[in-house]
Amino acid sequence: MIRSYLLLLFCVTLWGSNFVFGSMLVKEFPPLFLADVRLMFTSLFLLCYAWITKKFVKIKPREWGLLVLLGLIGTLANQTAYFNGLLTTDATTASLILSMAPIVTAILASLFLKEQFTNRMKIGSALALLGTFCVVGIGAGLTISKGVMLILIAMVTFSSSMIIIRKLTETMHPFISTVYSTTVGTIFLTPAAFLTLDRTSVISHEFWAWAMLILTAIFMQGICGLVWNQQLQVVGTGKAAIFLNLQPFVAMLVGFLLLGSQVTAIQVGGSLLIVTGVIVATVRSRKASTRQTELLAERTKSM
């Protein structure tokens, strides 16, 4: 059991660090080019794993429609907003905004999937919104920058993709749906990424930058997702979900250590409110919690 906890902590540490590494990489590559190349390596890894484990299935017409929609919203729109947002938004603030995703997903589920939005969820949402205001509002002097708006869009598109993938996984396993949706999303993103390149675009020739790009794609977006899903079977999804809430703290710590990012009292207080709100809003029965965490883990790999 301790080994499983350490593996879960390892995954969350890498996912939290991904915000910092993303902030470093957008200074070396054009945002869409960066997102596209990372997804190419992630897709290649997932396709190879699915082929080796013989998990491919035939896609039905309805599933094709959802995969296309998921590729447009969950990959093209999400990755465009995310990496462009990281150009001007620090990793800590980005991670805190994105930690609101479970609550926004619950709200969207109540609107489009007719799921119940309980009083517990309303209280948790209020706490998390207050925490976000502390970080983004008070911490930024009551100004909302373009970067923050883009990260907010990334968070909403991420939550929207969760709703789409819930419909998709009614007939398709979460893992193979992630493989297909990531691949379809990469196909959509590739022409957009190369159309944004021009003579002024700077693509790094540094070995460390390309190594970081490839390794983060394979380890953080590929291997960690597989390890996480395996450990869910050992520790249970309820306990595993608690680890996901550590991502903002990891982003703060890694940002401070690698980038010298300042961690303010407002950010710490806001992050505590956000995490508390998410926990209050998303604590459910074991069966419901299991489904939510499996889908969240699958989509987290693509960020």
C-alpha atoms as a PDB file:
ATOM      1  CA  MET A   1       0.000   0.000   0.000  1.00  0.00           C
ATOM      2  CA  ILE A   2       2.848   2.413   0.815  1.00  0.00           C
ATOM      3  CA  ARG A   3       4.327   1.692  -2.608  1.00  0.00           C
ATOM      4  CA  SER A   4       1.006   2.634  -4.223  1.00  0.00           C
ATOM      5  CA  TYR A   5       0.815   5.877  -2.260  1.00  0.00           C
ATOM      6  CA  LEU A   6       4.351   6.756  -3.333  1.00  0.00           C
ATOM      7  CA  LEU A   7       3.479   6.057  -6.972  1.00  0.00           C
ATOM      8  CA  LEU A   8       0.377   8.268  -6.734  1.00  0.00           C
ATOM      9  CA  LEU A   9       2.451  11.006  -5.116  1.00  0.00           C
ATOM     10  CA  PHE A  10       5.006  10.605  -7.910  1.00  0.00           C
ATOM     11  CA  CYS A  11       2.288  11.097 -10.554  1.00  0.00           C
ATOM     12  CA  VAL A  12       0.793  14.146  -8.845  1.00  0.00           C
ATOM     13  CA  THR A  13       4.270  15.642  -8.383  1.00  0.00           C
ATOM     14  CA  LEU A  14       4.947  15.348 -12.110  1.00  0.00           C
ATOM     15  CA  TRP A  15       1.501  16.688 -13.029  1.00  0.00           C
ATOM     16  CA  GLY A  16       1.951  19.646 -10.682  1.00  0.00           C
ATOM     17  CA  SER A  17       5.442  20.259 -12.064  1.00  0.00           C
ATOM     18  CA  ASN A  18       3.989  20.251 -15.572  1.00  0.00           C
ATOM     19  CA  PHE A  19       2.704  23.801 -15.044  1.00  0.00           C
ATOM     20  CA  VAL A  20       6.244  24.972 -14.325  1.00  0.00           C
ATOM     21  CA  PHE A  21       7.833  23.051 -17.187  1.00  0.00           C
ATOM     22  CA  GLY A  22       5.126  24.384 -19.499  1.00  0.00           C
ATOM     23  CA  SER A  23       5.977  27.930 -18.406  1.00  0.00           C
ATOM     24  CA  MET A  24       9.621  27.254 -19.250  1.00  0.00           C
ATOM     25  CA  LEU A  25       8.890  25.638 -22.620  1.00  0.00           C
ATOM     26  CA  VAL A  26       6.628  28.415 -23.951  1.00  0.00           C
ATOM     27  CA  LYS A  27       9.687  30.659 -23.812  1.00  0.00           C
ATOM     28  CA  GLU A  28      11.523  28.283 -26.134  1.00  0.00           C
ATOM     29  CA  PHE A  29       8.763  27.320 -28.599  1.00  0.00           C
ATOM     30  CA  PRO A  30       5.672  28.946 -30.134  1.00  0.00           C
ATOM     31  CA  PRO A  31       2.676  27.935 -27.938  1.00  0.00           C
ATOM     32  CA  LEU A  32       0.690  25.967 -30.538  1.00  0.00           C
ATOM     33  CA  PHE A  33       3.813  24.312 -31.955  1.00  0.00           C
ATOM     34  CA  LEU A  34       4.751  23.253 -28.424  1.00  0.00           C
ATOM     35  CA  ALA A  35       1.284  21.872 -27.696  1.00  0.00           C
ATOM     36  CA  ASP A  36       1.167  20.021 -31.012  1.00  0.00           C
ATOM     37  CA  VAL A  37       4.594  18.379 -30.754  1.00  0.00           C
ATOM     38  CA  ARG A  38       3.921  17.270 -27.187  1.00  0.00           C
ATOM     39  CA  LEU A  39       0.617  15.756 -28.239  1.00  0.00           C
ATOM     40  CA  MET A  40       2.302  14.014 -31.172  1.00  0.00           C
ATOM     41  CA  PHE A  41       4.669  12.210 -28.815  1.00  0.00           C
ATOM     42  CA  THR A  42       1.855  11.493 -26.352  1.00  0.00           C
ATOM     43  CA  SER A  43      -0.366  10.107 -29.116  1.00  0.00           C
ATOM     44  CA  LEU A  44       2.465   7.952 -30.452  1.00  0.00           C
ATOM     45  CA  PHE A  45       3.114   6.546 -26.978  1.00  0.00           C
ATOM     46  CA  LEU A  46      -0.578   5.826 -26.315  1.00  0.00           C
ATOM     47  CA  LEU A  47      -1.117   4.280 -29.747  1.00  0.00           C
ATOM     48  CA  CYS A  48       1.895   1.983 -29.268  1.00  0.00           C
ATOM     49  CA  TYR A  49       0.657   0.936 -25.829  1.00  0.00           C
ATOM     50  CA  ALA A  50      -2.870   0.295 -27.138  1.00  0.00           C
ATOM     51  CA  TRP A  51      -1.457  -1.754 -30.027  1.00  0.00           C
ATOM     52  CA  ILE A  52       0.813  -3.833 -27.763  1.00  0.00           C
ATOM     53  CA  THR A  53      -2.016  -4.503 -25.291  1.00  0.00           C
ATOM     54  CA  LYS A  54      -4.549  -5.057 -28.120  1.00  0.00           C
ATOM     55  CA  LYS A  55      -7.049  -2.520 -26.779  1.00  0.00           C
ATOM     56  CA  PHE A  56      -8.187  -1.070 -30.105  1.00  0.00           C
ATOM     57  CA  VAL A  57     -11.923  -1.230 -30.788  1.00  0.00           C
ATOM     58  CA  LYS A  58     -14.114  -0.334 -33.765  1.00  0.00           C
ATOM     59  CA  ILE A  59     -15.492   3.218 -33.615  1.00  0.00           C
ATOM     60  CA  LYS A  60     -19.239   3.694 -34.102  1.00  0.00           C
ATOM     61  CA  PRO A  61     -20.685   6.691 -36.030  1.00  0.00           C
ATOM     62  CA  ARG A  62     -22.001   8.340 -32.818  1.00  0.00           C
ATOM     63  CA  GLU A  63     -18.587   7.902 -31.211  1.00  0.00           C
ATOM     64  CA  TRP A  64     -16.903   9.556 -34.184  1.00  0.00           C
ATOM     65  CA  GLY A  65     -19.059  12.643 -33.660  1.00  0.00           C
ATOM     66  CA  LEU A  66     -18.118  12.844 -29.989  1.00  0.00           C
ATOM     67  CA  LEU A  67     -14.435  12.254 -30.774  1.00  0.00           C
ATOM     68  CA  VAL A  68     -14.421  15.119 -33.279  1.00  0.00           C
ATOM     69  CA  LEU A  69     -16.149  17.415 -30.769  1.00  0.00           C
ATOM     70  CA  LEU A  70     -13.721  16.310 -28.060  1.00  0.00           C
ATOM     71  CA  GLY A  71     -10.763  16.959 -30.350  1.00  0.00           C
ATOM     72  CA  LEU A  72     -11.981  20.476 -31.149  1.00  0.00           C
ATOM     73  CA  ILE A  73     -12.877  21.496 -27.587  1.00  0.00           C
ATOM     74  CA  GLY A  74     -10.724  19.294 -25.367  1.00  0.00           C
ATOM     75  CA  THR A  75      -7.552  19.508 -27.446  1.00  0.00           C
ATOM     76  CA  LEU A  76      -7.534  22.326 -30.017  1.00  0.00           C
ATOM     77  CA  ALA A  77      -9.298  24.995 -27.930  1.00  0.00           C
ATOM     78  CA  ASN A  78      -7.918  23.778 -24.600  1.00  0.00           C
ATOM     79  CA  GLN A  79      -4.272  23.523 -25.600  1.00  0.00           C
ATOM     80  CA  THR A  80      -4.365  26.795 -27.537  1.00  0.00           C
ATOM     81  CA  ALA A  81      -5.709  28.678 -24.520  1.00  0.00           C
ATOM     82  CA  TYR A  82      -3.496  26.834 -22.009  1.00  0.00           C
ATOM     83  CA  PHE A  83      -0.093  27.388 -23.601  1.00  0.00           C
ATOM     84  CA  ASN A  84      -0.859  30.929 -24.750  1.00  0.00           C
ATOM     85  CA  GLY A  85      -2.048  31.675 -21.228  1.00  0.00           C
ATOM     86  CA  LEU A  86       1.213  30.395 -19.755  1.00  0.00           C
ATOM     87  CA  LEU A  87       3.072  33.041 -21.736  1.00  0.00           C
ATOM     88  CA  THR A  88       1.926  35.718 -19.275  1.00  0.00           C
ATOM     89  CA  THR A  89       0.511  33.774 -16.308  1.00  0.00           C
ATOM     90  CA  ASP A  90       2.739  32.222 -13.645  1.00  0.00           C
ATOM     91  CA  ALA A  91       2.532  28.479 -13.063  1.00  0.00           C
ATOM     92  CA  THR A  92       1.102  28.806  -9.546  1.00  0.00           C
ATOM     93  CA  THR A  93      -1.832  30.987 -10.615  1.00  0.00           C
ATOM     94  CA  ALA A  94      -2.503  28.726 -13.620  1.00  0.00           C
ATOM     95  CA  SER A  95      -2.564  25.597 -11.451  1.00  0.00           C
ATOM     96  CA  LEU A  96      -4.925  27.219  -8.949  1.00  0.00           C
ATOM     97  CA  ILE A  97      -7.358  28.317 -11.649  1.00  0.00           C
ATOM     98  CA  LEU A  98      -7.306  24.869 -13.246  1.00  0.00           C
ATOM     99  CA  SER A  99      -7.936  23.249  -9.863  1.00  0.00           C
ATOM    100  CA  MET A 100     -11.457  24.679 -10.181  1.00  0.00           C
ATOM    101  CA  ALA A 101     -12.165  22.178 -12.979  1.00  0.00           C
ATOM    102  CA  PRO A 102     -13.959  19.536 -10.831  1.00  0.00           C
ATOM    103  CA  ILE A 103     -16.491  22.110  -9.621  1.00  0.00           C
ATOM    104  CA  VAL A 104     -17.091  23.597 -13.080  1.00  0.00           C
ATOM    105  CA  THR A 105     -17.506  20.044 -14.378  1.00  0.00           C
ATOM    106  CA  ALA A 106     -20.158  19.391 -11.712  1.00  0.00           C
ATOM    107  CA  ILE A 107     -22.014  22.558 -12.729  1.00  0.00           C
ATOM    108  CA  LEU A 108     -21.910  21.630 -16.419  1.00  0.00           C
ATOM    109  CA  ALA A 109     -23.024  18.084 -15.573  1.00  0.00           C
ATOM    110  CA  SER A 110     -26.073  19.495 -13.774  1.00  0.00           C
ATOM    111  CA  LEU A 111     -26.937  21.559 -16.863  1.00  0.00           C
ATOM    112  CA  PHE A 112     -26.256  19.073 -19.657  1.00  0.00           C
ATOM    113  CA  LEU A 113     -26.386  15.655 -17.999  1.00  0.00           C
ATOM    114  CA  LYS A 114     -29.144  16.494 -15.507  1.00  0.00           C
ATOM    115  CA  GLU A 115     -26.979  15.413 -12.579  1.00  0.00           C
ATOM    116  CA  GLN A 116     -27.932  16.738  -9.169  1.00  0.00           C
ATOM    117  CA  PHE A 117     -26.127  19.867  -7.969  1.00  0.00           C
ATOM    118  CA  THR A 118     -26.384  19.475  -4.203  1.00  0.00           C
ATOM    119  CA  ASN A 119     -26.121  22.022  -1.393  1.00  0.00           C
ATOM    120  CA  ARG A 120     -22.728  20.524  -0.573  1.00  0.00           C
ATOM    121  CA  MET A 121     -21.603  21.311  -4.119  1.00  0.00           C
ATOM    122  CA  LYS A 122     -22.940  24.871  -3.839  1.00  0.00           C
ATOM    123  CA  ILE A 123     -21.043  25.472  -0.597  1.00  0.00           C
ATOM    124  CA  GLY A 124     -17.865  23.979  -2.055  1.00  0.00           C
ATOM    125  CA  SER A 125     -18.247  26.077  -5.205  1.00  0.00           C
ATOM    126  CA  ALA A 126     -18.599  29.253  -3.143  1.00  0.00           C
ATOM    127  CA  LEU A 127     -15.437  28.456  -1.167  1.00  0.00           C
ATOM    128  CA  ALA A 128     -13.460  27.648  -4.307  1.00  0.00           C
ATOM    129  CA  LEU A 129     -14.667  30.804  -6.085  1.00  0.00           C
ATOM    130  CA  LEU A 130     -13.650  32.852  -3.059  1.00  0.00           C
ATOM    131  CA  GLY A 131     -10.222  31.232  -3.158  1.00  0.00           C
ATOM    132  CA  THR A 132      -9.874  31.958  -6.876  1.00  0.00           C
ATOM    133  CA  PHE A 133     -10.850  35.589  -6.271  1.00  0.00           C
ATOM    134  CA  CYS A 134      -8.166  35.847  -3.602  1.00  0.00           C
ATOM    135  CA  VAL A 135      -5.502  34.526  -5.972  1.00  0.00           C
ATOM    136  CA  VAL A 136      -6.600  36.114  -9.253  1.00  0.00           C
ATOM    137  CA  GLY A 137      -8.416  39.198  -7.968  1.00  0.00           C
ATOM    138  CA  ILE A 138      -6.738  40.460  -4.811  1.00  0.00           C
ATOM    139  CA  GLY A 139      -3.393  38.904  -5.711  1.00  0.00           C
ATOM    140  CA  ALA A 140      -3.413  40.613  -9.108  1.00  0.00           C
ATOM    141  CA  GLY A 141      -4.684  43.953  -7.830  1.00  0.00           C
ATOM    142  CA  LEU A 142      -8.258  43.350  -9.035  1.00  0.00           C
ATOM    143  CA  THR A 143      -7.144  43.166 -12.682  1.00  0.00           C
ATOM    144  CA  ILE A 144      -7.824  40.225 -14.960  1.00  0.00           C
ATOM    145  CA  SER A 145      -5.043  39.866 -17.516  1.00  0.00           C
ATOM    146  CA  LYS A 146      -5.298  38.273 -20.944  1.00  0.00           C
ATOM    147  CA  GLY A 147      -3.223  35.354 -19.671  1.00  0.00           C
ATOM    148  CA  VAL A 148      -5.590  34.723 -16.774  1.00  0.00           C
ATOM    149  CA  MET A 149      -8.578  34.842 -19.130  1.00  0.00           C
ATOM    150  CA  LEU A 150      -6.917  32.273 -21.389  1.00  0.00           C
ATOM    151  CA  ILE A 151      -6.239  29.959 -18.445  1.00  0.00           C
ATOM    152  CA  LEU A 152      -9.883  30.362 -17.419  1.00  0.00           C
ATOM    153  CA  ILE A 153     -10.890  29.359 -20.955  1.00  0.00           C
ATOM    154  CA  ALA A 154      -8.535  26.376 -20.718  1.00  0.00           C
ATOM    155  CA  MET A 155     -10.209  25.353 -17.454  1.00  0.00           C
ATOM    156  CA  VAL A 156     -13.733  25.666 -18.915  1.00  0.00           C
ATOM    157  CA  THR A 157     -12.819  23.742 -22.081  1.00  0.00           C
ATOM    158  CA  PHE A 158     -11.196  21.061 -19.910  1.00  0.00           C
ATOM    159  CA  SER A 159     -14.411  20.754 -17.893  1.00  0.00           C
ATOM    160  CA  SER A 160     -16.474  20.737 -21.093  1.00  0.00           C
ATOM    161  CA  SER A 161     -14.340  17.893 -22.432  1.00  0.00           C
ATOM    162  CA  MET A 162     -15.139  15.950 -19.258  1.00  0.00           C
ATOM    163  CA  ILE A 163     -18.845  16.166 -20.119  1.00  0.00           C
ATOM    164  CA  ILE A 164     -18.204  14.973 -23.668  1.00  0.00           C
ATOM    165  CA  ILE A 165     -15.994  12.108 -22.534  1.00  0.00           C
ATOM    166  CA  ARG A 166     -18.653  10.995 -20.047  1.00  0.00           C
ATOM    167  CA  LYS A 167     -21.018  10.558 -22.977  1.00  0.00           C
ATOM    168  CA  LEU A 168     -18.286   8.832 -24.986  1.00  0.00           C
ATOM    169  CA  THR A 169     -17.398   6.395 -22.203  1.00  0.00           C
ATOM    170  CA  GLU A 170     -20.981   5.150 -22.057  1.00  0.00           C
ATOM    171  CA  THR A 171     -19.991   2.854 -24.922  1.00  0.00           C
ATOM    172  CA  MET A 172     -16.174   3.047 -24.907  1.00  0.00           C
ATOM    173  CA  HIS A 173     -13.539   2.295 -22.247  1.00  0.00           C
ATOM    174  CA  PRO A 174     -11.979   5.492 -20.749  1.00  0.00           C
ATOM    175  CA  PHE A 175      -8.439   4.495 -21.769  1.00  0.00           C
ATOM    176  CA  ILE A 176      -9.139   3.801 -25.428  1.00  0.00           C
ATOM    177  CA  SER A 177     -11.373   6.877 -25.628  1.00  0.00           C
ATOM    178  CA  THR A 178      -8.390   8.910 -24.398  1.00  0.00           C
ATOM    179  CA  VAL A 179      -6.148   7.307 -27.028  1.00  0.00           C
ATOM    180  CA  TYR A 180      -8.563   8.094 -29.841  1.00  0.00           C
ATOM    181  CA  SER A 181      -9.489  11.596 -28.639  1.00  0.00           C
ATOM    182  CA  THR A 182      -5.834  12.567 -28.131  1.00  0.00           C
ATOM    183  CA  THR A 183      -4.975  11.352 -31.622  1.00  0.00           C
ATOM    184  CA  VAL A 184      -7.954  13.111 -33.222  1.00  0.00           C
ATOM    185  CA  GLY A 185      -7.138  16.279 -31.290  1.00  0.00           C
ATOM    186  CA  THR A 186      -3.546  16.149 -32.525  1.00  0.00           C
ATOM    187  CA  ILE A 187      -4.781  15.877 -36.118  1.00  0.00           C
ATOM    188  CA  PHE A 188      -6.875  19.029 -35.614  1.00  0.00           C
ATOM    189  CA  LEU A 189      -4.109  20.909 -33.820  1.00  0.00           C
ATOM    190  CA  THR A 190      -1.309  20.165 -36.308  1.00  0.00           C
ATOM    191  CA  PRO A 191      -2.444  22.376 -39.216  1.00  0.00           C
ATOM    192  CA  ALA A 192      -3.356  25.202 -36.817  1.00  0.00           C
ATOM    193  CA  ALA A 193       0.068  24.970 -35.179  1.00  0.00           C
ATOM    194  CA  PHE A 194       2.002  25.139 -38.427  1.00  0.00           C
ATOM    195  CA  LEU A 195      -0.165  27.931 -39.853  1.00  0.00           C
ATOM    196  CA  THR A 196       0.864  30.127 -36.910  1.00  0.00           C
ATOM    197  CA  LEU A 197       4.550  29.695 -37.711  1.00  0.00           C
ATOM    198  CA  ASP A 198       6.267  32.465 -39.648  1.00  0.00           C
ATOM    199  CA  ARG A 199       9.744  33.937 -40.073  1.00  0.00           C
ATOM    200  CA  THR A 200       9.560  35.582 -36.669  1.00  0.00           C
ATOM    201  CA  SER A 201       8.742  32.310 -34.879  1.00  0.00           C
ATOM    202  CA  VAL A 202      11.554  31.133 -32.634  1.00  0.00           C
ATOM    203  CA  ILE A 203      11.974  27.385 -32.263  1.00  0.00           C
ATOM    204  CA  SER A 204      14.632  26.408 -29.770  1.00  0.00           C
ATOM    205  CA  HIS A 205      17.666  24.436 -30.884  1.00  0.00           C
ATOM    206  CA  GLU A 206      18.673  23.726 -27.286  1.00  0.00           C
ATOM    207  CA  PHE A 207      18.984  20.042 -26.420  1.00  0.00           C
ATOM    208  CA  TRP A 208      17.536  20.532 -22.927  1.00  0.00           C
ATOM    209  CA  ALA A 209      14.398  22.176 -24.326  1.00  0.00           C
ATOM    210  CA  TRP A 210      13.655  19.358 -26.772  1.00  0.00           C
ATOM    211  CA  ALA A 211      14.491  16.742 -24.138  1.00  0.00           C
ATOM    212  CA  MET A 212      12.105  18.404 -21.673  1.00  0.00           C
ATOM    213  CA  LEU A 213       9.388  18.625 -24.342  1.00  0.00           C
ATOM    214  CA  ILE A 214       9.615  14.944 -25.264  1.00  0.00           C
ATOM    215  CA  LEU A 215      10.026  13.650 -21.717  1.00  0.00           C
ATOM    216  CA  THR A 216       7.101  15.660 -20.352  1.00  0.00           C
ATOM    217  CA  ALA A 217       4.934  14.370 -23.199  1.00  0.00           C
ATOM    218  CA  ILE A 218       5.802  10.730 -22.571  1.00  0.00           C
ATOM    219  CA  PHE A 219       6.135  10.678 -18.792  1.00  0.00           C
ATOM    220  CA  MET A 220       3.605  13.265 -17.635  1.00  0.00           C
ATOM    221  CA  GLN A 221       0.981  12.761 -20.329  1.00  0.00           C
ATOM    222  CA  GLY A 222       1.507   9.067 -20.963  1.00  0.00           C
ATOM    223  CA  ILE A 223       3.235   6.935 -18.359  1.00  0.00           C
ATOM    224  CA  CYS A 224       1.816   8.752 -15.327  1.00  0.00           C
ATOM    225  CA  GLY A 225      -1.699   8.209 -16.588  1.00  0.00           C
ATOM    226  CA  LEU A 226      -1.103   4.479 -16.948  1.00  0.00           C
ATOM    227  CA  VAL A 227       0.535   4.222 -13.505  1.00  0.00           C
ATOM    228  CA  TRP A 228      -2.277   6.245 -11.922  1.00  0.00           C
ATOM    229  CA  ASN A 229      -5.012   4.028 -13.363  1.00  0.00           C
ATOM    230  CA  GLN A 230      -3.212   0.890 -12.187  1.00  0.00           C
ATOM    231  CA  GLN A 231      -2.896   2.209  -8.632  1.00  0.00           C
ATOM    232  CA  LEU A 232      -6.584   3.163  -8.521  1.00  0.00           C
ATOM    233  CA  GLN A 233      -7.282  -0.550  -8.361  1.00  0.00           C
ATOM    234  CA  VAL A 234      -5.054  -0.879  -5.287  1.00  0.00           C
ATOM    235  CA  VAL A 235      -5.878   2.096  -3.064  1.00  0.00           C
ATOM    236  CA  GLY A 236      -9.365   2.964  -4.296  1.00  0.00           C
ATOM    237  CA  THR A 237     -10.412   6.077  -6.162  1.00  0.00           C
ATOM    238  CA  GLY A 238     -11.625   7.958  -3.092  1.00  0.00           C
ATOM    239  CA  LYS A 239      -8.161   8.044  -1.524  1.00  0.00           C
ATOM    240  CA  ALA A 240      -6.497   8.645  -4.877  1.00  0.00           C
ATOM    241  CA  ALA A 241      -8.685  11.718  -5.491  1.00  0.00           C
ATOM    242  CA  ILE A 242      -7.161  13.406  -2.435  1.00  0.00           C
ATOM    243  CA  PHE A 243      -3.739  13.310  -4.110  1.00  0.00           C
ATOM    244  CA  LEU A 244      -5.070  15.267  -7.121  1.00  0.00           C
ATOM    245  CA  ASN A 245      -5.693  18.255  -4.851  1.00  0.00           C
ATOM    246  CA  LEU A 246      -1.949  18.489  -4.144  1.00  0.00           C
ATOM    247  CA  GLN A 247      -1.157  19.726  -7.667  1.00  0.00           C
ATOM    248  CA  PRO A 248      -1.391  23.489  -6.879  1.00  0.00           C
ATOM    249  CA  PHE A 249       0.960  23.069  -3.922  1.00  0.00           C
ATOM    250  CA  VAL A 250       3.433  21.136  -6.068  1.00  0.00           C
ATOM    251  CA  ALA A 251       3.281  23.869  -8.726  1.00  0.00           C
ATOM    252  CA  MET A 252       3.991  26.485  -6.035  1.00  0.00           C
ATOM    253  CA  LEU A 253       6.962  24.569  -4.654  1.00  0.00           C
ATOM    254  CA  VAL A 254       8.513  23.660  -8.024  1.00  0.00           C
ATOM    255  CA  GLY A 255       7.926  27.181  -9.333  1.00  0.00           C
ATOM    256  CA  PHE A 256       9.706  28.592  -6.298  1.00  0.00           C
ATOM    257  CA  LEU A 257      12.636  26.164  -6.589  1.00  0.00           C
ATOM    258  CA  LEU A 258      13.161  26.294 -10.380  1.00  0.00           C
ATOM    259  CA  LEU A 259      11.900  29.734 -11.382  1.00  0.00           C
ATOM    260  CA  GLY A 260      12.208  31.665  -8.142  1.00  0.00           C
ATOM    261  CA  SER A 261       8.488  32.455  -8.314  1.00  0.00           C
ATOM    262  CA  GLN A 262       7.246  34.350  -5.278  1.00  0.00           C
ATOM    263  CA  VAL A 263       4.673  32.530  -3.157  1.00  0.00           C
ATOM    264  CA  THR A 264       2.468  35.047  -1.386  1.00  0.00           C
ATOM    265  CA  ALA A 265       0.265  34.613   1.659  1.00  0.00           C
ATOM    266  CA  ILE A 266      -2.738  35.386  -0.550  1.00  0.00           C
ATOM    267  CA  GLN A 267      -1.841  32.525  -2.893  1.00  0.00           C
ATOM    268  CA  VAL A 268      -1.434  30.110   0.016  1.00  0.00           C
ATOM    269  CA  GLY A 269      -4.721  31.197   1.577  1.00  0.00           C
ATOM    270  CA  GLY A 270      -6.521  31.118  -1.759  1.00  0.00           C
ATOM    271  CA  SER A 271      -5.185  27.666  -2.581  1.00  0.00           C
ATOM    272  CA  LEU A 272      -6.404  26.333   0.760  1.00  0.00           C
ATOM    273  CA  LEU A 273      -9.898  27.711   0.054  1.00  0.00           C
ATOM    274  CA  ILE A 274      -9.900  26.231  -3.458  1.00  0.00           C
ATOM    275  CA  VAL A 275      -8.754  22.794  -2.302  1.00  0.00           C
ATOM    276  CA  THR A 276     -11.259  22.837   0.583  1.00  0.00           C
ATOM    277  CA  GLY A 277     -14.030  23.856  -1.775  1.00  0.00           C
ATOM    278  CA  VAL A 278     -13.169  21.147  -4.290  1.00  0.00           C
ATOM    279  CA  ILE A 279     -13.097  18.484  -1.563  1.00  0.00           C
ATOM    280  CA  VAL A 280     -16.423  19.642  -0.096  1.00  0.00           C
ATOM    281  CA  ALA A 281     -18.085  19.845  -3.513  1.00  0.00           C
ATOM    282  CA  THR A 282     -16.833  16.556  -4.934  1.00  0.00           C
ATOM    283  CA  VAL A 283     -17.115  14.182  -1.959  1.00  0.00           C
ATOM    284  CA  ARG A 284     -19.742  11.684  -3.037  1.00  0.00           C
ATOM    285  CA  SER A 285     -20.672   8.077  -2.656  1.00  0.00           C
ATOM    286  CA  ARG A 286     -17.909   5.601  -3.439  1.00  0.00           C
ATOM    287  CA  LYS A 287     -19.494   4.583  -6.738  1.00  0.00           C
ATOM    288  CA  ALA A 288     -19.899   8.169  -7.978  1.00  0.00           C
ATOM    289  CA  SER A 289     -16.444   9.094  -6.746  1.00  0.00           C
ATOM    290  CA  THR A 290     -14.943   6.165  -8.628  1.00  0.00           C
ATOM    291  CA  ARG A 291     -16.380   7.281 -11.948  1.00  0.00           C
ATOM    292  CA  GLN A 292     -15.421  10.942 -11.462  1.00  0.00           C
ATOM    293  CA  THR A 293     -11.808  10.184 -10.545  1.00  0.00           C
ATOM    294  CA  GLU A 294     -11.270   7.746 -13.422  1.00  0.00           C
ATOM    295  CA  LEU A 295     -12.416  10.328 -15.971  1.00  0.00           C
ATOM    296  CA  LEU A 296     -10.476  13.159 -14.324  1.00  0.00           C
ATOM    297  CA  ALA A 297      -7.302  11.099 -14.344  1.00  0.00           C
ATOM    298  CA  GLU A 298      -7.726  10.221 -18.019  1.00  0.00           C
ATOM    299  CA  ARG A 299      -8.158  13.878 -19.028  1.00  0.00           C
ATOM    300  CA  THR A 300      -5.408  15.165 -16.722  1.00  0.00           C
ATOM    301  CA  LYS A 301      -2.863  13.345 -18.876  1.00  0.00           C
ATOM    302  CA  SER A 302      -3.557  15.640 -21.813  1.00  0.00           C
ATOM    303  CA  MET A 303      -2.734  18.868 -19.911  1.00  0.00           C
END
